Amino acid sequence: MVRKAVSISVLIALVACAVGLAAQSVLPHRRGAFMASGGGAEPPQTNLEAWFESDFGITKDGSDYVSQWDDKTSNGNDLSMATGSYQPLWIDSEINGEPGISFDGTDDELATATFTSFSPATVYLVVKQDSWTDQDAIFDGATQNQQLIYQTPSSSKFRLYASGAGPISGDLGTSSYEIIVARFDSSSNALVQINDGTPVTGNVPSPAMTGIVLGNKGTGGSQTAYAGDVRFAAVLVYSEAHDSSEISDTLDYLNGKYATY
């Protein structure tokens, strides 16, 4: 009788564990894995500080709300959000068969812990605007306006800001995913580009990055005033100013997987 009671107790524990795992699912994790999972060459690895793709390292609950998005490099710059009401939604088969992560434009965000600052920086976003609102944030550094990519007063365009206003993009649109290229660099070497289109150059004063925030402004900004109504499939952040050849190589990888153009 004692042995049977122990067996039943173990069975109950195993069932409870299985239920818990079902409510907190995790997509495959393999840090430092640089093999391309889509078409095209892998992206450049030199000075790649953070790499996020929506089919990798996602921790989500039973309703698909995301509490953590793991950095695909070995640097461990994971994105997270502990507060359930601020967590974005993971959506399967969003773009070319790949998932997307949807931020509600009200208060959602994912953020890394702070890390050692670097400058310049080049950021790649595979992103879709679900709606456009003047001043809403798409991407920022750890503190507000540090390395900001935001929606401008001109409908469907975005702009760089880092202690001062930078170049403005062409039309991004709200109907499909596109690749944003944003190079934060002073001395008139900042750049914005959509897919393989014509780059727009300019200057952003005193750029420095100490963290990453998606879908909202960094610390010091309102949680609700600047939240962007956007979706992400991939984010790559480099601690260098990519030249045209490196931009082309990175776009080849991203377009090979997500087919944005």
Protein backbone atom coordinates (compact mmCIF):
# COMPACT_ATOMS: atom_id res chain seq x y z
CA MET A 1 0.00 0.00 0.00
CA VAL A 2 2.84 2.38 0.79
CA ARG A 3 4.60 1.59 -2.50
CA LYS A 4 1.36 2.20 -4.44
CA ALA A 5 0.82 5.54 -2.68
CA VAL A 6 4.32 6.66 -3.60
CA SER A 7 3.74 5.70 -7.22
CA ILE A 8 0.51 7.70 -7.37
CA SER A 9 2.28 10.71 -5.84
CA VAL A 10 5.04 10.52 -8.43
CA LEU A 11 2.45 10.28 -11.22
CA ILE A 12 0.63 13.37 -9.94
CA ALA A 13 3.93 15.29 -9.82
CA LEU A 14 4.80 14.29 -13.39
CA VAL A 15 1.38 15.41 -14.65
CA ALA A 16 1.71 18.74 -12.86
CA CYS A 17 5.14 19.24 -14.39
CA ALA A 18 3.81 18.49 -17.87
CA VAL A 19 0.96 20.98 -17.42
CA GLY A 20 3.45 23.63 -16.32
CA LEU A 21 5.64 23.02 -19.35
CA ALA A 22 2.67 23.25 -21.68
CA ALA A 23 1.75 26.65 -20.26
CA GLN A 24 5.32 27.95 -20.71
CA SER A 25 6.57 26.80 -24.11
CA VAL A 26 10.02 27.59 -25.42
CA LEU A 27 11.15 27.58 -29.03
CA PRO A 28 14.56 25.96 -29.75
CA HIS A 29 17.63 27.52 -28.11
CA ARG A 30 21.16 27.15 -29.44
CA ARG A 31 23.34 30.10 -28.47
CA GLY A 32 26.19 30.97 -30.75
CA ALA A 33 24.43 29.18 -33.61
CA PHE A 34 25.33 31.12 -36.73
CA MET A 35 24.01 28.78 -39.37
CA ALA A 36 21.39 30.38 -41.57
CA SER A 37 17.94 28.84 -41.14
CA GLY A 38 16.63 30.50 -44.29
CA GLY A 39 17.99 31.16 -47.76
CA GLY A 40 20.96 33.44 -48.38
CA ALA A 41 24.36 33.69 -46.71
CA GLU A 42 24.64 34.05 -42.94
CA PRO A 43 24.99 37.65 -41.76
CA PRO A 44 28.41 39.14 -40.97
CA GLN A 45 29.66 38.02 -37.55
CA THR A 46 32.24 40.69 -36.77
CA ASN A 47 31.03 42.96 -33.93
CA LEU A 48 27.57 41.35 -33.91
CA GLU A 49 26.42 42.30 -30.41
CA ALA A 50 22.85 40.95 -30.48
CA TRP A 51 20.87 38.78 -32.90
CA PHE A 52 17.18 37.95 -32.51
CA GLU A 53 15.00 35.87 -34.82
CA SER A 54 11.39 34.99 -34.13
CA ASP A 55 11.89 31.25 -34.69
CA PHE A 56 14.59 31.04 -32.02
CA GLY A 57 14.74 31.30 -28.24
CA ILE A 58 11.17 32.45 -27.59
CA THR A 59 9.74 31.86 -24.11
CA LYS A 60 5.96 32.31 -24.15
CA ASP A 61 2.90 31.37 -22.13
CA GLY A 62 -0.09 29.29 -23.18
CA SER A 63 -1.64 32.32 -24.90
CA ASP A 64 1.59 33.01 -26.85
CA TYR A 65 2.59 36.15 -24.94
CA VAL A 66 6.37 36.51 -24.92
CA SER A 67 8.32 36.93 -21.68
CA GLN A 68 11.79 36.42 -23.19
CA TRP A 69 13.47 36.50 -26.61
CA ASP A 70 16.98 35.08 -26.49
CA ASP A 71 20.03 36.60 -28.12
CA LYS A 72 21.25 34.17 -30.78
CA THR A 73 24.90 35.14 -30.22
CA SER A 74 26.89 33.97 -27.22
CA ASN A 75 26.76 37.48 -25.69
CA GLY A 76 23.59 36.79 -23.71
CA ASN A 77 21.89 40.12 -24.45
CA ASP A 78 18.42 38.60 -24.09
CA LEU A 79 15.24 40.66 -24.41
CA SER A 80 12.63 40.19 -21.68
CA MET A 81 9.49 41.56 -20.04
CA ALA A 82 8.30 40.20 -16.69
CA THR A 83 5.01 42.15 -16.53
CA GLY A 84 2.36 40.10 -18.32
CA SER A 85 0.27 43.04 -19.54
CA TYR A 86 3.34 44.55 -21.27
CA GLN A 87 4.33 41.37 -23.12
CA PRO A 88 4.02 41.22 -26.93
CA LEU A 89 2.25 38.42 -28.81
CA TRP A 90 4.02 35.69 -30.79
CA ILE A 91 2.23 34.88 -34.07
CA ASP A 92 3.04 31.81 -36.16
CA SER A 93 3.63 31.94 -39.95
CA GLU A 94 3.67 35.73 -40.23
CA ILE A 95 6.22 36.30 -43.00
CA ASN A 96 7.43 33.79 -45.59
CA GLY A 97 6.42 30.99 -43.22
CA GLU A 98 8.32 32.51 -40.28
CA PRO A 99 6.77 33.79 -37.02
CA GLY A 100 6.39 37.42 -35.96
CA ILE A 101 6.16 39.18 -32.61
CA SER A 102 3.39 41.78 -32.35
CA PHE A 103 3.58 44.86 -30.06
CA ASP A 104 0.16 46.36 -29.35
CA GLY A 105 0.98 50.08 -29.59
CA THR A 106 -0.37 50.64 -26.07
CA ASP A 107 2.33 49.58 -23.59
CA ASP A 108 4.18 46.50 -24.89
CA GLU A 109 7.98 46.30 -24.93
CA LEU A 110 10.93 43.94 -24.65
CA ALA A 111 14.27 45.15 -23.29
CA THR A 112 17.78 43.88 -22.57
CA ALA A 113 19.73 44.55 -19.43
CA THR A 114 22.22 47.40 -19.81
CA PHE A 115 25.57 46.50 -21.35
CA THR A 116 28.91 48.23 -21.99
CA SER A 117 28.29 51.17 -24.29
CA PHE A 118 29.48 51.20 -27.89
CA SER A 119 29.46 53.66 -30.75
CA PRO A 120 28.90 53.71 -33.69
CA ALA A 121 26.15 51.12 -34.27
CA THR A 122 24.29 49.54 -37.18
CA VAL A 123 20.80 48.12 -36.61
CA TYR A 124 18.75 45.86 -38.89
CA LEU A 125 15.04 45.32 -38.23
CA VAL A 126 12.67 43.01 -40.11
CA VAL A 127 9.57 44.93 -39.12
CA LYS A 128 5.99 45.73 -40.04
CA GLN A 129 4.08 48.84 -38.95
CA ASP A 130 0.49 47.84 -38.14
CA SER A 131 -0.39 51.50 -37.80
CA TRP A 132 1.43 54.83 -37.86
CA THR A 133 1.38 57.43 -35.08
CA ASP A 134 3.65 60.46 -34.95
CA GLN A 135 6.50 60.01 -32.41
CA ASP A 136 5.80 56.35 -31.61
CA ALA A 137 8.94 54.30 -31.01
CA ILE A 138 10.06 51.28 -33.01
CA PHE A 139 13.49 50.78 -31.40
CA ASP A 140 15.55 52.58 -28.75
CA GLY A 141 18.61 52.23 -26.55
CA ALA A 142 18.49 51.58 -22.82
CA THR A 143 17.48 55.16 -22.03
CA GLN A 144 14.97 57.19 -24.01
CA ASN A 145 16.21 58.82 -27.23
CA GLN A 146 19.59 57.08 -26.93
CA GLN A 147 19.46 55.23 -30.28
CA LEU A 148 15.87 55.92 -31.24
CA ILE A 149 14.08 54.83 -34.42
CA TYR A 150 10.65 56.45 -34.40
CA GLN A 151 7.67 57.28 -36.59
CA THR A 152 7.88 60.85 -37.90
CA PRO A 153 5.23 63.53 -38.55
CA SER A 154 5.40 62.51 -42.23
CA SER A 155 3.08 59.51 -42.55
CA SER A 156 4.75 56.09 -42.94
CA LYS A 157 8.30 57.45 -42.58
CA PHE A 158 10.72 56.89 -39.71
CA ARG A 159 13.66 58.86 -38.33
CA LEU A 160 16.82 58.32 -36.31
CA TYR A 161 17.46 60.24 -33.10
CA ALA A 162 20.43 60.11 -30.72
CA SER A 163 20.82 63.30 -28.68
CA GLY A 164 19.62 65.07 -31.80
CA ALA A 165 17.56 64.40 -34.93
CA GLY A 166 19.02 62.35 -37.77
CA PRO A 167 17.99 61.38 -41.31
CA ILE A 168 14.41 60.57 -42.33
CA SER A 169 13.55 57.47 -44.37
CA GLY A 170 11.39 57.01 -47.41
CA ASP A 171 7.91 55.50 -47.00
CA LEU A 172 7.86 52.33 -44.91
CA GLY A 173 4.16 51.60 -45.35
CA THR A 174 1.85 49.59 -43.09
CA SER A 175 0.88 46.63 -45.26
CA SER A 176 3.93 44.34 -45.18
CA TYR A 177 7.19 43.48 -43.49
CA GLU A 178 10.25 45.44 -44.63
CA ILE A 179 13.91 45.56 -43.61
CA ILE A 180 15.03 48.76 -41.90
CA VAL A 181 18.75 49.56 -41.94
CA ALA A 182 19.78 52.23 -39.41
CA ARG A 183 23.40 53.31 -39.04
CA PHE A 184 24.02 55.51 -35.99
CA ASP A 185 27.22 57.43 -36.66
CA SER A 186 28.23 61.07 -36.35
CA SER A 187 30.13 63.20 -38.86
CA SER A 188 27.32 62.98 -41.43
CA ASN A 189 27.74 59.21 -41.69
CA ALA A 190 24.37 58.19 -40.22
CA LEU A 191 22.12 56.30 -42.63
CA VAL A 192 18.57 55.01 -43.02
CA GLN A 193 17.50 52.58 -45.71
CA ILE A 194 14.48 50.40 -46.49
CA ASN A 195 15.25 47.00 -48.03
CA ASP A 196 17.76 47.45 -50.86
CA GLY A 197 16.49 50.94 -51.65
CA THR A 198 18.38 54.21 -51.85
CA PRO A 199 20.01 55.13 -48.52
CA VAL A 200 19.41 58.52 -46.90
CA THR A 201 22.41 59.88 -45.00
CA GLY A 202 22.78 62.49 -42.28
CA ASN A 203 24.16 63.06 -38.79
CA VAL A 204 23.14 61.97 -35.29
CA PRO A 205 25.04 63.75 -32.47
CA SER A 206 26.79 61.79 -29.71
CA PRO A 207 25.48 58.29 -30.52
CA ALA A 208 26.05 55.65 -27.82
CA MET A 209 24.19 52.40 -27.09
CA THR A 210 23.96 50.81 -23.63
CA GLY A 211 20.98 48.49 -24.17
CA ILE A 212 18.11 47.61 -26.51
CA VAL A 213 14.38 48.31 -26.23
CA LEU A 214 11.87 47.08 -28.82
CA GLY A 215 8.43 48.58 -29.40
CA ASN A 216 8.86 51.47 -26.99
CA LYS A 217 11.22 54.14 -25.70
CA GLY A 218 14.00 53.38 -23.23
CA THR A 219 14.04 54.13 -19.51
CA GLY A 220 12.76 57.60 -18.70
CA GLY A 221 10.06 57.55 -21.35
CA SER A 222 6.37 56.97 -20.73
CA GLN A 223 5.30 53.31 -20.93
CA THR A 224 2.16 54.27 -22.84
CA ALA A 225 2.86 57.54 -24.67
CA TYR A 226 5.31 56.23 -27.28
CA ALA A 227 4.57 52.49 -27.66
CA GLY A 228 4.75 51.45 -31.31
CA ASP A 229 2.08 49.35 -33.05
CA VAL A 230 4.65 47.17 -34.83
CA ARG A 231 5.71 43.58 -35.47
CA PHE A 232 9.23 42.12 -35.57
CA ALA A 233 10.64 39.02 -37.20
CA ALA A 234 14.36 39.75 -36.72
CA VAL A 235 16.70 42.25 -35.06
CA LEU A 236 20.49 42.47 -35.57
CA VAL A 237 22.68 45.01 -33.77
CA TYR A 238 26.36 45.65 -34.60
CA SER A 239 28.91 47.76 -32.72
CA GLU A 240 30.32 49.29 -35.90
CA ALA A 241 29.26 51.44 -38.84
CA HIS A 242 28.57 49.00 -41.66
CA ASP A 243 29.76 50.01 -45.10
CA SER A 244 27.79 49.33 -48.29
CA SER A 245 29.33 45.87 -48.74
CA GLU A 246 28.46 44.76 -45.19
CA ILE A 247 24.95 46.19 -45.56
CA SER A 248 24.52 44.23 -48.80
CA ASP A 249 25.72 40.98 -47.17
CA THR A 250 23.35 41.39 -44.22
CA LEU A 251 20.41 42.24 -46.48
CA ASP A 252 21.14 39.15 -48.59
CA TYR A 253 20.80 36.97 -45.50
CA LEU A 254 17.64 38.62 -44.20
CA ASN A 255 15.90 38.79 -47.57
CA GLY A 256 16.87 35.19 -48.27
CA LYS A 257 14.96 34.13 -45.17
CA TYR A 258 12.08 36.63 -45.06
CA ALA A 259 11.65 37.61 -48.75
CA THR A 260 10.75 41.25 -48.11
CA TYR A 261 11.75 42.44 -51.58
